[in-house]
């Protein structure tokens, strides 16, 4: 007996594989992120936020510039790679208070897009949360 194949072309609702991370370890920085081109909600992990803060020996914090630079780089990588996520290195100078010596701090940062939310954090933030 012969069977005719039929195609079901009706649209199906796609379910997100991983839920949005929503807890106190992620900080909303959407207002600042709009300045670099993000149009959705943007959250930064508290670990990345802490790493960008001024060290106890630093005279000038530079936190705002570091955050802006990290957001710009994340937006650039998402645009350049044209994917839902990307990993990149973020390096910034940090000046010591007593020695006046400048050292480079390098961080491995991950950016992913989940259900209209962009999450930016250190690599370990995603391995623990996801």
Protein backbone atom coordinates (compact mmCIF):
# COMPACT_ATOMS: atom_id res chain seq x y z
CA UNK A 1 0.00 0.00 0.00
CA UNK A 2 1.29 3.48 -0.90
CA UNK A 3 1.33 6.46 1.47
CA UNK A 4 1.49 10.05 0.33
CA UNK A 5 3.83 12.31 2.29
CA UNK A 6 2.41 15.55 3.61
CA UNK A 7 4.31 18.57 4.83
CA UNK A 8 3.31 20.58 7.86
CA UNK A 9 4.52 24.11 7.11
CA UNK A 10 2.65 25.81 9.90
CA UNK A 11 4.90 27.97 12.13
CA UNK A 12 5.95 26.38 15.37
CA UNK A 13 6.78 28.24 18.55
CA UNK A 14 10.47 27.89 19.29
CA UNK A 15 11.43 27.33 22.87
CA UNK A 16 14.61 28.79 24.28
CA UNK A 17 17.12 26.10 25.19
CA UNK A 18 18.45 27.91 28.25
CA UNK A 19 16.50 30.21 30.53
CA UNK A 20 17.45 33.82 31.18
CA UNK A 21 19.70 34.21 34.17
CA UNK A 22 17.91 36.44 36.63
CA UNK A 23 19.37 36.86 40.06
CA UNK A 24 21.32 39.35 42.10
CA UNK A 25 24.64 38.44 40.49
CA UNK A 26 23.72 40.33 37.28
CA UNK A 27 23.49 44.14 37.12
CA UNK A 28 21.36 46.03 34.59
CA UNK A 29 23.49 48.48 32.56
CA UNK A 30 21.02 49.02 29.70
CA UNK A 31 21.10 52.83 29.91
CA UNK A 32 24.87 52.96 29.41
CA UNK A 33 24.75 50.18 26.79
CA UNK A 34 22.41 52.18 24.56
CA UNK A 35 25.32 54.56 24.01
CA UNK A 36 27.31 51.87 22.20
CA UNK A 37 24.41 50.55 20.11
CA UNK A 38 22.57 47.94 22.17
CA UNK A 39 18.78 48.13 21.78
CA UNK A 40 17.81 45.43 24.29
CA UNK A 41 18.32 44.91 28.01
CA UNK A 42 22.00 44.43 28.89
CA UNK A 43 23.20 42.86 32.12
CA UNK A 44 26.77 42.61 33.42
CA UNK A 45 27.88 39.98 35.91
CA UNK A 46 28.85 41.17 39.36
CA UNK A 47 32.26 39.49 38.91
CA UNK A 48 32.98 41.52 35.77
CA UNK A 49 31.67 44.64 37.49
CA UNK A 50 34.04 44.03 40.42
CA UNK A 51 36.99 43.44 38.09
CA UNK A 52 36.35 46.78 36.38
CA UNK A 53 36.16 48.68 39.68
CA UNK A 54 39.15 50.67 40.89
CA UNK A 55 41.75 48.84 42.88
CA UNK A 56 42.38 49.94 46.45
CA UNK A 57 45.67 51.56 45.41
CA UNK A 58 44.27 53.44 42.42
CA UNK A 59 43.89 57.20 42.64
CA UNK A 60 41.36 57.58 39.81
CA UNK A 61 38.86 54.82 39.27
CA UNK A 62 38.23 54.92 35.51
CA UNK A 63 35.34 52.52 36.12
CA UNK A 64 32.92 54.33 33.80
CA UNK A 65 35.41 54.28 30.93
CA UNK A 66 36.27 50.62 31.52
CA UNK A 67 32.60 49.63 31.55
CA UNK A 68 31.91 51.65 28.40
CA UNK A 69 34.91 50.05 26.65
CA UNK A 70 33.81 46.54 27.67
CA UNK A 71 30.27 47.20 26.41
CA UNK A 72 31.60 48.62 23.14
CA UNK A 73 33.83 45.59 22.62
CA UNK A 74 30.95 43.19 23.39
CA UNK A 75 28.67 44.97 20.90
CA UNK A 76 31.44 44.95 18.30
CA UNK A 77 32.09 41.20 18.74
CA UNK A 78 28.37 40.34 18.47
CA UNK A 79 28.12 42.41 15.30
CA UNK A 80 31.36 41.12 13.82
CA UNK A 81 30.74 37.42 14.56
CA UNK A 82 27.01 37.64 13.76
CA UNK A 83 26.25 34.94 16.35
CA UNK A 84 24.26 34.61 19.58
CA UNK A 85 27.46 34.65 21.62
CA UNK A 86 31.15 35.37 21.53
CA UNK A 87 34.23 35.32 23.74
CA UNK A 88 36.95 37.95 23.72
CA UNK A 89 39.87 39.30 25.73
CA UNK A 90 39.47 42.68 27.38
CA UNK A 91 42.64 44.40 28.56
CA UNK A 92 42.90 47.70 30.40
CA UNK A 93 45.68 49.55 32.24
CA UNK A 94 45.63 49.92 36.01
CA UNK A 95 47.88 52.41 37.76
CA UNK A 96 49.27 51.72 41.22
CA UNK A 97 48.97 54.36 43.95
CA UNK A 98 52.33 54.02 45.67
CA UNK A 99 54.56 52.88 42.84
CA UNK A 100 52.83 54.79 40.01
CA UNK A 101 53.55 51.67 37.96
CA UNK A 102 51.04 50.85 35.23
CA UNK A 103 50.11 47.21 34.76
CA UNK A 104 47.78 45.65 32.22
CA UNK A 105 44.80 43.66 33.48
CA UNK A 106 43.49 41.09 31.01
CA UNK A 107 40.06 39.46 31.34
CA UNK A 108 38.36 36.73 29.27
CA UNK A 109 34.83 37.98 28.70
CA UNK A 110 31.81 36.19 27.26
CA UNK A 111 28.77 37.87 25.73
CA UNK A 112 25.57 35.99 24.87
CA UNK A 113 22.09 36.94 23.74
CA UNK A 114 19.14 35.17 25.38
CA UNK A 115 15.48 36.12 24.84
CA UNK A 116 15.99 39.86 24.25
CA UNK A 117 18.64 40.09 27.00
CA UNK A 118 22.36 40.46 26.45
CA UNK A 119 24.54 38.99 29.20
CA UNK A 120 28.18 40.04 29.57
CA UNK A 121 30.47 38.44 32.12
CA UNK A 122 33.64 36.55 32.84
CA UNK A 123 33.90 33.01 31.47
CA UNK A 124 33.39 31.41 34.88
CA UNK A 125 30.12 33.33 35.34
CA UNK A 126 28.55 31.34 32.53
CA UNK A 127 29.93 27.93 33.51
CA UNK A 128 28.41 28.35 36.99
CA UNK A 129 25.09 29.80 35.87
CA UNK A 130 24.38 27.73 32.79
